[in-house]
PDB file of all heavy atoms in Angstrom:
ATOM      1  N   ILE A   1     -14.493 -22.069 -72.216  1.00  0.00           N
ATOM      2  CA  ILE A   1     -15.345 -22.717 -73.190  1.00  0.00           C
ATOM      3  C   ILE A   1     -16.431 -23.529 -72.444  1.00  0.00           C
ATOM      4  O   ILE A   1     -16.193 -24.216 -71.510  1.00  0.00           O
ATOM      5  CB  ILE A   1     -14.553 -23.654 -74.062  1.00  0.00           C
ATOM      6  CG1 ILE A   1     -13.571 -22.808 -74.940  1.00  0.00           C
ATOM      7  CG2 ILE A   1     -15.465 -24.531 -74.981  1.00  0.00           C
ATOM      8  CD1 ILE A   1     -12.733 -23.657 -75.850  1.00  0.00           C
ATOM      9  N   ARG A   2     -17.656 -23.366 -72.935  1.00  0.00           N
ATOM     10  CA  ARG A   2     -18.823 -24.108 -72.365  1.00  0.00           C
ATOM     11  C   ARG A   2     -19.194 -25.281 -73.312  1.00  0.00           C
ATOM     12  O   ARG A   2     -19.096 -25.102 -74.498  1.00  0.00           O
ATOM     13  CB  ARG A   2     -20.064 -23.180 -72.190  1.00  0.00           C
ATOM     14  CG  ARG A   2     -19.937 -22.187 -71.039  1.00  0.00           C
ATOM     15  CD  ARG A   2     -21.336 -21.661 -70.702  1.00  0.00           C
ATOM     16  NE  ARG A   2     -21.306 -20.734 -69.586  1.00  0.00           N
ATOM     17  CZ  ARG A   2     -21.360 -19.420 -69.714  1.00  0.00           C
ATOM     18  NH1 ARG A   2     -21.438 -18.894 -70.932  1.00  0.00           N
ATOM     19  NH2 ARG A   2     -21.339 -18.662 -68.680  1.00  0.00           N
ATOM     20  N   VAL A   3     -19.576 -26.330 -72.682  1.00  0.00           N
ATOM     21  CA  VAL A   3     -20.073 -27.533 -73.433  1.00  0.00           C
ATOM     22  C   VAL A   3     -21.567 -27.644 -73.127  1.00  0.00           C
ATOM     23  O   VAL A   3     -21.992 -27.733 -72.002  1.00  0.00           O
ATOM     24  CB  VAL A   3     -19.342 -28.786 -73.015  1.00  0.00           C
ATOM     25  CG1 VAL A   3     -19.872 -30.008 -73.752  1.00  0.00           C
ATOM     26  CG2 VAL A   3     -17.829 -28.648 -73.235  1.00  0.00           C
ATOM     27  N   ALA A   4     -22.367 -27.651 -74.201  1.00  0.00           N
ATOM     28  CA  ALA A   4     -23.810 -27.621 -74.073  1.00  0.00           C
ATOM     29  C   ALA A   4     -24.407 -28.967 -74.350  1.00  0.00           C
ATOM     30  O   ALA A   4     -23.916 -29.706 -75.247  1.00  0.00           O
ATOM     31  CB  ALA A   4     -24.425 -26.575 -74.999  1.00  0.00           C
ATOM     32  N   MET A   5     -25.446 -29.269 -73.651  1.00  0.00           N
ATOM     33  CA  MET A   5     -26.219 -30.533 -73.759  1.00  0.00           C
ATOM     34  C   MET A   5     -27.656 -30.168 -73.914  1.00  0.00           C
ATOM     35  O   MET A   5     -28.227 -29.403 -73.140  1.00  0.00           O
ATOM     36  CB  MET A   5     -25.978 -31.383 -72.546  1.00  0.00           C
ATOM     37  CG  MET A   5     -26.891 -32.595 -72.409  1.00  0.00           C
ATOM     38  SD  MET A   5     -26.450 -33.506 -70.888  1.00  0.00           S
ATOM     39  CE  MET A   5     -27.904 -34.563 -70.760  1.00  0.00           C
ATOM     40  N   ASN A   6     -28.348 -30.794 -74.903  1.00  0.00           N
ATOM     41  CA  ASN A   6     -29.806 -30.544 -75.093  1.00  0.00           C
ATOM     42  C   ASN A   6     -30.612 -31.317 -74.053  1.00  0.00           C
ATOM     43  O   ASN A   6     -30.388 -32.534 -73.795  1.00  0.00           O
ATOM     44  CB  ASN A   6     -30.201 -30.999 -76.475  1.00  0.00           C
ATOM     45  CG  ASN A   6     -29.726 -30.067 -77.543  1.00  0.00           C
ATOM     46  OD1 ASN A   6     -30.310 -28.947 -77.774  1.00  0.00           O
ATOM     47  ND2 ASN A   6     -28.585 -30.401 -78.174  1.00  0.00           N
ATOM     48  N   VAL A   7     -31.526 -30.621 -73.440  1.00  0.00           N
ATOM     49  CA  VAL A   7     -32.464 -31.212 -72.454  1.00  0.00           C
ATOM     50  C   VAL A   7     -33.890 -30.682 -72.793  1.00  0.00           C
ATOM     51  O   VAL A   7     -34.070 -29.492 -72.937  1.00  0.00           O
ATOM     52  CB  VAL A   7     -32.096 -30.818 -71.024  1.00  0.00           C
ATOM     53  CG1 VAL A   7     -33.120 -31.357 -70.043  1.00  0.00           C
ATOM     54  CG2 VAL A   7     -30.677 -31.356 -70.661  1.00  0.00           C
ATOM     55  N   SER A   8     -34.782 -31.624 -72.926  1.00  0.00           N
ATOM     56  CA  SER A   8     -36.166 -31.263 -73.204  1.00  0.00           C
ATOM     57  C   SER A   8     -36.929 -30.999 -71.897  1.00  0.00           C
ATOM     58  O   SER A   8     -36.577 -31.553 -70.813  1.00  0.00           O
ATOM     59  CB  SER A   8     -36.898 -32.321 -73.985  1.00  0.00           C
ATOM     60  OG  SER A   8     -37.210 -33.434 -73.134  1.00  0.00           O
ATOM     61  N   PRO A   9     -37.970 -30.124 -71.936  1.00  0.00           N
ATOM     62  CA  PRO A   9     -38.786 -29.923 -70.727  1.00  0.00           C
ATOM     63  C   PRO A   9     -39.399 -31.198 -70.207  1.00  0.00           C
ATOM     64  O   PRO A   9     -39.644 -31.340 -68.985  1.00  0.00           O
ATOM     65  CB  PRO A   9     -39.830 -28.984 -71.190  1.00  0.00           C
ATOM     66  CG  PRO A   9     -39.223 -28.234 -72.355  1.00  0.00           C
ATOM     67  CD  PRO A   9     -38.348 -29.259 -73.042  1.00  0.00           C
ATOM     68  N   ARG A  10     -39.642 -32.184 -71.112  1.00  0.00           N
ATOM     69  CA  ARG A  10     -40.194 -33.461 -70.632  1.00  0.00           C
ATOM     70  C   ARG A  10     -39.251 -34.154 -69.685  1.00  0.00           C
ATOM     71  O   ARG A  10     -39.631 -34.742 -68.684  1.00  0.00           O
ATOM     72  CB  ARG A  10     -40.463 -34.375 -71.870  1.00  0.00           C
ATOM     73  CG  ARG A  10     -41.526 -33.921 -72.752  1.00  0.00           C
ATOM     74  CD  ARG A  10     -41.854 -35.035 -73.758  1.00  0.00           C
ATOM     75  NE  ARG A  10     -42.636 -34.555 -74.894  1.00  0.00           N
ATOM     76  CZ  ARG A  10     -42.948 -35.290 -75.881  1.00  0.00           C
ATOM     77  NH1 ARG A  10     -42.608 -36.554 -75.982  1.00  0.00           N
ATOM     78  NH2 ARG A  10     -43.713 -34.833 -76.875  1.00  0.00           N
ATOM     79  N   GLU A  11     -37.939 -34.102 -70.022  1.00  0.00           N
ATOM     80  CA  GLU A  11     -36.912 -34.729 -69.113  1.00  0.00           C
ATOM     81  C   GLU A  11     -36.832 -33.975 -67.779  1.00  0.00           C
ATOM     82  O   GLU A  11     -36.736 -34.610 -66.774  1.00  0.00           O
ATOM     83  CB  GLU A  11     -35.570 -34.672 -69.831  1.00  0.00           C
ATOM     84  CG  GLU A  11     -35.533 -35.568 -71.086  1.00  0.00           C
ATOM     85  CD  GLU A  11     -34.209 -35.403 -71.775  1.00  0.00           C
ATOM     86  OE1 GLU A  11     -33.191 -36.061 -71.398  1.00  0.00           O
ATOM     87  OE2 GLU A  11     -34.156 -34.642 -72.782  1.00  0.00           O
ATOM     88  N   LEU A  12     -36.947 -32.654 -67.844  1.00  0.00           N
ATOM     89  CA  LEU A  12     -36.918 -31.912 -66.611  1.00  0.00           C
ATOM     90  C   LEU A  12     -38.152 -32.202 -65.780  1.00  0.00           C
ATOM     91  O   LEU A  12     -38.077 -32.327 -64.582  1.00  0.00           O
ATOM     92  CB  LEU A  12     -36.908 -30.401 -66.925  1.00  0.00           C
ATOM     93  CG  LEU A  12     -35.526 -29.793 -67.300  1.00  0.00           C
ATOM     94  CD1 LEU A  12     -35.773 -28.344 -67.771  1.00  0.00           C
ATOM     95  CD2 LEU A  12     -34.574 -29.852 -66.159  1.00  0.00           C
ATOM     96  N   ASP A  13     -39.254 -32.382 -66.452  1.00  0.00           N
ATOM     97  CA  ASP A  13     -40.544 -32.621 -65.738  1.00  0.00           C
ATOM     98  C   ASP A  13     -40.614 -34.012 -65.138  1.00  0.00           C
ATOM     99  O   ASP A  13     -41.097 -34.215 -64.066  1.00  0.00           O
ATOM    100  CB  ASP A  13     -41.686 -32.380 -66.756  1.00  0.00           C
ATOM    101  CG  ASP A  13     -43.049 -32.559 -66.038  1.00  0.00           C
ATOM    102  OD1 ASP A  13     -43.208 -32.053 -64.912  1.00  0.00           O
ATOM    103  OD2 ASP A  13     -43.945 -33.140 -66.667  1.00  0.00           O
ATOM    104  N   ALA A  14     -40.137 -35.011 -65.911  1.00  0.00           N
ATOM    105  CA  ALA A  14     -40.360 -36.390 -65.531  1.00  0.00           C
ATOM    106  C   ALA A  14     -39.252 -36.999 -64.659  1.00  0.00           C
ATOM    107  O   ALA A  14     -39.506 -37.810 -63.816  1.00  0.00           O
ATOM    108  CB  ALA A  14     -40.520 -37.284 -66.750  1.00  0.00           C
ATOM    109  N   GLY A  15     -38.011 -36.614 -64.868  1.00  0.00           N
ATOM    110  CA  GLY A  15     -36.912 -37.272 -64.193  1.00  0.00           C
ATOM    111  C   GLY A  15     -36.232 -36.417 -63.155  1.00  0.00           C
ATOM    112  O   GLY A  15     -36.738 -35.382 -62.714  1.00  0.00           O
ATOM    113  N   HIS A  16     -35.053 -36.849 -62.787  1.00  0.00           N
ATOM    114  CA  HIS A  16     -34.267 -36.132 -61.788  1.00  0.00           C
ATOM    115  C   HIS A  16     -32.945 -35.704 -62.435  1.00  0.00           C
ATOM    116  O   HIS A  16     -31.842 -35.943 -61.905  1.00  0.00           O
ATOM    117  CB  HIS A  16     -33.971 -37.032 -60.573  1.00  0.00           C
ATOM    118  CG  HIS A  16     -35.212 -37.454 -59.878  1.00  0.00           C
ATOM    119  ND1 HIS A  16     -35.931 -36.637 -58.996  1.00  0.00           N
ATOM    120  CD2 HIS A  16     -35.916 -38.631 -59.888  1.00  0.00           C
ATOM    121  CE1 HIS A  16     -36.971 -37.287 -58.540  1.00  0.00           C
ATOM    122  NE2 HIS A  16     -37.012 -38.476 -59.070  1.00  0.00           N
ATOM    123  N   ILE A  17     -33.089 -35.093 -63.607  1.00  0.00           N
ATOM    124  CA  ILE A  17     -31.915 -34.715 -64.379  1.00  0.00           C
ATOM    125  C   ILE A  17     -31.081 -33.676 -63.668  1.00  0.00           C
ATOM    126  O   ILE A  17     -29.845 -33.609 -63.822  1.00  0.00           O
ATOM    127  CB  ILE A  17     -32.310 -34.279 -65.793  1.00  0.00           C
ATOM    128  CG1 ILE A  17     -31.065 -34.241 -66.719  1.00  0.00           C
ATOM    129  CG2 ILE A  17     -33.049 -32.974 -65.767  1.00  0.00           C
ATOM    130  CD1 ILE A  17     -31.426 -34.029 -68.156  1.00  0.00           C
ATOM    131  N   ASP A  18     -31.721 -32.808 -62.883  1.00  0.00           N
ATOM    132  CA  ASP A  18     -30.959 -31.801 -62.151  1.00  0.00           C
ATOM    133  C   ASP A  18     -30.040 -32.415 -61.155  1.00  0.00           C
ATOM    134  O   ASP A  18     -28.871 -32.003 -61.000  1.00  0.00           O
ATOM    135  CB  ASP A  18     -31.936 -30.818 -61.452  1.00  0.00           C
ATOM    136  CG  ASP A  18     -33.001 -31.548 -60.658  1.00  0.00           C
ATOM    137  OD1 ASP A  18     -33.317 -32.645 -60.937  1.00  0.00           O
ATOM    138  OD2 ASP A  18     -33.515 -30.885 -59.651  1.00  0.00           O
ATOM    139  N   ASP A  19     -30.501 -33.461 -60.487  1.00  0.00           N
ATOM    140  CA  ASP A  19     -29.635 -34.170 -59.506  1.00  0.00           C
ATOM    141  C   ASP A  19     -28.480 -34.846 -60.273  1.00  0.00           C
ATOM    142  O   ASP A  19     -27.343 -34.884 -59.778  1.00  0.00           O
ATOM    143  CB  ASP A  19     -30.423 -35.249 -58.735  1.00  0.00           C
ATOM    144  CG  ASP A  19     -31.426 -34.601 -57.787  1.00  0.00           C
ATOM    145  OD1 ASP A  19     -31.154 -33.489 -57.294  1.00  0.00           O
ATOM    146  OD2 ASP A  19     -32.508 -35.231 -57.528  1.00  0.00           O
ATOM    147  N   MET A  20     -28.804 -35.475 -61.405  1.00  0.00           N
ATOM    148  CA  MET A  20     -27.768 -36.160 -62.171  1.00  0.00           C
ATOM    149  C   MET A  20     -26.657 -35.222 -62.553  1.00  0.00           C
ATOM    150  O   MET A  20     -25.462 -35.513 -62.481  1.00  0.00           O
ATOM    151  CB  MET A  20     -28.413 -36.811 -63.439  1.00  0.00           C
ATOM    152  CG  MET A  20     -27.384 -37.574 -64.278  1.00  0.00           C
ATOM    153  SD  MET A  20     -27.986 -37.867 -65.969  1.00  0.00           S
ATOM    154  CE  MET A  20     -27.831 -36.189 -66.678  1.00  0.00           C
ATOM    155  N   ILE A  21     -27.058 -34.019 -63.044  1.00  0.00           N
ATOM    156  CA  ILE A  21     -26.056 -33.033 -63.550  1.00  0.00           C
ATOM    157  C   ILE A  21     -25.235 -32.489 -62.367  1.00  0.00           C
ATOM    158  O   ILE A  21     -23.994 -32.506 -62.420  1.00  0.00           O
ATOM    159  CB  ILE A  21     -26.776 -31.901 -64.290  1.00  0.00           C
ATOM    160  CG1 ILE A  21     -27.357 -32.401 -65.609  1.00  0.00           C
ATOM    161  CG2 ILE A  21     -25.774 -30.745 -64.533  1.00  0.00           C
ATOM    162  CD1 ILE A  21     -28.228 -31.362 -66.344  1.00  0.00           C
ATOM    163  N   LEU A  22     -25.915 -32.047 -61.325  1.00  0.00           N
ATOM    164  CA  LEU A  22     -25.183 -31.451 -60.189  1.00  0.00           C
ATOM    165  C   LEU A  22     -24.258 -32.437 -59.471  1.00  0.00           C
ATOM    166  O   LEU A  22     -23.137 -32.151 -59.148  1.00  0.00           O
ATOM    167  CB  LEU A  22     -26.158 -30.772 -59.233  1.00  0.00           C
ATOM    168  CG  LEU A  22     -27.022 -29.630 -59.834  1.00  0.00           C
ATOM    169  CD1 LEU A  22     -28.043 -29.169 -58.806  1.00  0.00           C
ATOM    170  CD2 LEU A  22     -26.067 -28.496 -60.211  1.00  0.00           C
ATOM    171  N   ASP A  23     -24.862 -33.618 -59.203  1.00  0.00           N
ATOM    172  CA  ASP A  23     -24.068 -34.662 -58.531  1.00  0.00           C
ATOM    173  C   ASP A  23     -22.925 -35.114 -59.445  1.00  0.00           C
ATOM    174  O   ASP A  23     -21.805 -35.435 -58.939  1.00  0.00           O
ATOM    175  CB  ASP A  23     -24.938 -35.842 -58.153  1.00  0.00           C
ATOM    176  CG  ASP A  23     -25.979 -35.489 -57.121  1.00  0.00           C
ATOM    177  OD1 ASP A  23     -25.826 -34.435 -56.492  1.00  0.00           O
ATOM    178  OD2 ASP A  23     -26.935 -36.261 -56.993  1.00  0.00           O
ATOM    179  N   GLY A  24     -23.146 -35.229 -60.746  1.00  0.00           N
ATOM    180  CA  GLY A  24     -22.158 -35.711 -61.702  1.00  0.00           C
ATOM    181  C   GLY A  24     -20.939 -34.727 -61.787  1.00  0.00           C
ATOM    182  O   GLY A  24     -19.826 -35.142 -61.797  1.00  0.00           O
ATOM    183  N   LEU A  25     -21.285 -33.418 -61.867  1.00  0.00           N
ATOM    184  CA  LEU A  25     -20.190 -32.489 -61.963  1.00  0.00           C
ATOM    185  C   LEU A  25     -19.416 -32.433 -60.684  1.00  0.00           C
ATOM    186  O   LEU A  25     -18.136 -32.298 -60.702  1.00  0.00           O
ATOM    187  CB  LEU A  25     -20.831 -31.050 -62.234  1.00  0.00           C
ATOM    188  CG  LEU A  25     -21.440 -30.851 -63.626  1.00  0.00           C
ATOM    189  CD1 LEU A  25     -22.134 -29.522 -63.686  1.00  0.00           C
ATOM    190  CD2 LEU A  25     -20.375 -30.965 -64.705  1.00  0.00           C
ATOM    191  N   LYS A  26     -20.086 -32.513 -59.545  1.00  0.00           N
ATOM    192  CA  LYS A  26     -19.419 -32.494 -58.239  1.00  0.00           C
ATOM    193  C   LYS A  26     -18.513 -33.709 -58.058  1.00  0.00           C
ATOM    194  O   LYS A  26     -17.383 -33.580 -57.546  1.00  0.00           O
ATOM    195  CB  LYS A  26     -20.454 -32.424 -57.127  1.00  0.00           C
ATOM    196  CG  LYS A  26     -19.835 -32.330 -55.746  1.00  0.00           C
ATOM    197  CD  LYS A  26     -20.949 -32.208 -54.677  1.00  0.00           C
ATOM    198  CE  LYS A  26     -20.292 -32.110 -53.294  1.00  0.00           C
ATOM    199  NZ  LYS A  26     -21.354 -32.035 -52.214  1.00  0.00           N
ATOM    200  N   ALA A  27     -19.024 -34.903 -58.484  1.00  0.00           N
ATOM    201  CA  ALA A  27     -18.266 -36.108 -58.289  1.00  0.00           C
ATOM    202  C   ALA A  27     -16.999 -36.092 -59.131  1.00  0.00           C
ATOM    203  O   ALA A  27     -15.957 -36.665 -58.765  1.00  0.00           O
ATOM    204  CB  ALA A  27     -19.122 -37.309 -58.687  1.00  0.00           C
ATOM    205  N   ARG A  28     -17.061 -35.472 -60.303  1.00  0.00           N
ATOM    206  CA  ARG A  28     -15.864 -35.390 -61.197  1.00  0.00           C
ATOM    207  C   ARG A  28     -15.039 -34.182 -60.973  1.00  0.00           C
ATOM    208  O   ARG A  28     -13.960 -34.019 -61.578  1.00  0.00           O
ATOM    209  CB  ARG A  28     -16.387 -35.364 -62.687  1.00  0.00           C
ATOM    210  CG  ARG A  28     -17.071 -36.630 -63.116  1.00  0.00           C
ATOM    211  CD  ARG A  28     -17.674 -36.429 -64.512  1.00  0.00           C
ATOM    212  NE  ARG A  28     -18.233 -37.688 -65.076  1.00  0.00           N
ATOM    213  CZ  ARG A  28     -19.458 -38.125 -64.871  1.00  0.00           C
ATOM    214  NH1 ARG A  28     -20.268 -37.447 -64.067  1.00  0.00           N
ATOM    215  NH2 ARG A  28     -19.864 -39.272 -65.469  1.00  0.00           N
ATOM    216  N   GLY A  29     -15.427 -33.330 -60.045  1.00  0.00           N
ATOM    217  CA  GLY A  29     -14.655 -32.129 -59.708  1.00  0.00           C
ATOM    218  C   GLY A  29     -14.609 -31.184 -60.867  1.00  0.00           C
ATOM    219  O   GLY A  29     -13.574 -30.458 -61.107  1.00  0.00           O
ATOM    220  N   LEU A  30     -15.704 -30.996 -61.659  1.00  0.00           N
ATOM    221  CA  LEU A  30     -15.696 -30.128 -62.829  1.00  0.00           C
ATOM    222  C   LEU A  30     -16.458 -28.855 -62.494  1.00  0.00           C
ATOM    223  O   LEU A  30     -17.453 -28.868 -61.745  1.00  0.00           O
ATOM    224  CB  LEU A  30     -16.420 -30.866 -63.985  1.00  0.00           C
ATOM    225  CG  LEU A  30     -15.776 -32.158 -64.453  1.00  0.00           C
ATOM    226  CD1 LEU A  30     -16.609 -32.825 -65.573  1.00  0.00           C
ATOM    227  CD2 LEU A  30     -14.300 -31.888 -64.956  1.00  0.00           C
ATOM    228  N   PRO A  31     -16.006 -27.736 -63.049  1.00  0.00           N
ATOM    229  CA  PRO A  31     -16.709 -26.458 -62.794  1.00  0.00           C
ATOM    230  C   PRO A  31     -18.054 -26.372 -63.503  1.00  0.00           C
ATOM    231  O   PRO A  31     -18.173 -26.668 -64.699  1.00  0.00           O
ATOM    232  CB  PRO A  31     -15.742 -25.427 -63.363  1.00  0.00           C
ATOM    233  CG  PRO A  31     -14.945 -26.180 -64.426  1.00  0.00           C
ATOM    234  CD  PRO A  31     -14.849 -27.577 -63.921  1.00  0.00           C
ATOM    235  N   ALA A  32     -19.078 -25.980 -62.760  1.00  0.00           N
ATOM    236  CA  ALA A  32     -20.404 -25.893 -63.316  1.00  0.00           C
ATOM    237  C   ALA A  32     -20.481 -24.779 -64.393  1.00  0.00           C
ATOM    238  O   ALA A  32     -21.287 -24.888 -65.320  1.00  0.00           O
ATOM    239  CB  ALA A  32     -21.425 -25.553 -62.216  1.00  0.00           C
ATOM    240  N   ALA A  33     -19.597 -23.805 -64.290  1.00  0.00           N
ATOM    241  CA  ALA A  33     -19.619 -22.720 -65.261  1.00  0.00           C
ATOM    242  C   ALA A  33     -19.224 -23.173 -66.687  1.00  0.00           C
ATOM    243  O   ALA A  33     -19.495 -22.434 -67.639  1.00  0.00           O
ATOM    244  CB  ALA A  33     -18.671 -21.600 -64.831  1.00  0.00           C
ATOM    245  N   MET A  34     -18.591 -24.332 -66.797  1.00  0.00           N
ATOM    246  CA  MET A  34     -18.237 -24.809 -68.126  1.00  0.00           C
ATOM    247  C   MET A  34     -19.334 -25.681 -68.740  1.00  0.00           C
ATOM    248  O   MET A  34     -19.175 -26.152 -69.881  1.00  0.00           O
ATOM    249  CB  MET A  34     -16.959 -25.640 -68.040  1.00  0.00           C
ATOM    250  CG  MET A  34     -15.729 -24.853 -67.724  1.00  0.00           C
ATOM    251  SD  MET A  34     -14.193 -25.861 -67.775  1.00  0.00           S
ATOM    252  CE  MET A  34     -14.116 -26.233 -69.536  1.00  0.00           C
ATOM    253  N   PHE A  35     -20.465 -25.833 -68.050  1.00  0.00           N
ATOM    254  CA  PHE A  35     -21.517 -26.685 -68.548  1.00  0.00           C
ATOM    255  C   PHE A  35     -22.713 -25.803 -68.887  1.00  0.00           C
ATOM    256  O   PHE A  35     -22.988 -24.800 -68.219  1.00  0.00           O
ATOM    257  CB  PHE A  35     -21.908 -27.756 -67.540  1.00  0.00           C
ATOM    258  CG  PHE A  35     -22.880 -28.752 -68.046  1.00  0.00           C
ATOM    259  CD1 PHE A  35     -22.492 -29.704 -69.003  1.00  0.00           C
ATOM    260  CD2 PHE A  35     -24.208 -28.794 -67.635  1.00  0.00           C
ATOM    261  CE1 PHE A  35     -23.376 -30.632 -69.466  1.00  0.00           C
ATOM    262  CE2 PHE A  35     -25.102 -29.715 -68.093  1.00  0.00           C
ATOM    263  CZ  PHE A  35     -24.698 -30.668 -69.021  1.00  0.00           C
ATOM    264  N   GLU A  36     -23.437 -26.191 -69.900  1.00  0.00           N
ATOM    265  CA  GLU A  36     -24.614 -25.460 -70.361  1.00  0.00           C
ATOM    266  C   GLU A  36     -25.673 -26.428 -70.816  1.00  0.00           C
ATOM    267  O   GLU A  36     -25.380 -27.472 -71.386  1.00  0.00           O
ATOM    268  CB  GLU A  36     -24.219 -24.543 -71.535  1.00  0.00           C
ATOM    269  CG  GLU A  36     -25.381 -23.669 -72.062  1.00  0.00           C
ATOM    270  CD  GLU A  36     -24.852 -22.732 -73.150  1.00  0.00           C
ATOM    271  OE1 GLU A  36     -24.489 -21.578 -72.784  1.00  0.00           O
ATOM    272  OE2 GLU A  36     -24.879 -23.117 -74.328  1.00  0.00           O
ATOM    273  N   ILE A  37     -26.951 -26.119 -70.496  1.00  0.00           N
ATOM    274  CA  ILE A  37     -28.042 -26.941 -71.008  1.00  0.00           C
ATOM    275  C   ILE A  37     -28.876 -26.080 -71.963  1.00  0.00           C
ATOM    276  O   ILE A  37     -29.117 -24.914 -71.691  1.00  0.00           O
ATOM    277  CB  ILE A  37     -28.907 -27.516 -69.902  1.00  0.00           C
ATOM    278  CG1 ILE A  37     -29.560 -26.464 -69.083  1.00  0.00           C
ATOM    279  CG2 ILE A  37     -28.126 -28.468 -69.010  1.00  0.00           C
ATOM    280  CD1 ILE A  37     -30.618 -27.015 -68.067  1.00  0.00           C
ATOM    281  N   GLU A  38     -29.263 -26.710 -73.060  1.00  0.00           N
ATOM    282  CA  GLU A  38     -30.125 -26.045 -74.065  1.00  0.00           C
ATOM    283  C   GLU A  38     -31.520 -26.639 -73.945  1.00  0.00           C
ATOM    284  O   GLU A  38     -31.669 -27.819 -74.118  1.00  0.00           O
ATOM    285  CB  GLU A  38     -29.515 -26.218 -75.490  1.00  0.00           C
ATOM    286  CG  GLU A  38     -28.157 -25.576 -75.618  1.00  0.00           C
ATOM    287  CD  GLU A  38     -27.622 -25.753 -77.069  1.00  0.00           C
ATOM    288  OE1 GLU A  38     -28.363 -26.287 -77.917  1.00  0.00           O
ATOM    289  OE2 GLU A  38     -26.494 -25.250 -77.350  1.00  0.00           O
TER     290      GLU A  38
END
């Protein structure tokens, strides 16, 4: 099962959301394949 989170292009453009997601999943030991961004 995948869990999806909405992300706007503005957030991708302005912030470091990619670092937040990748570092957050790694720190919690969670599989990236279970996460989805819309």
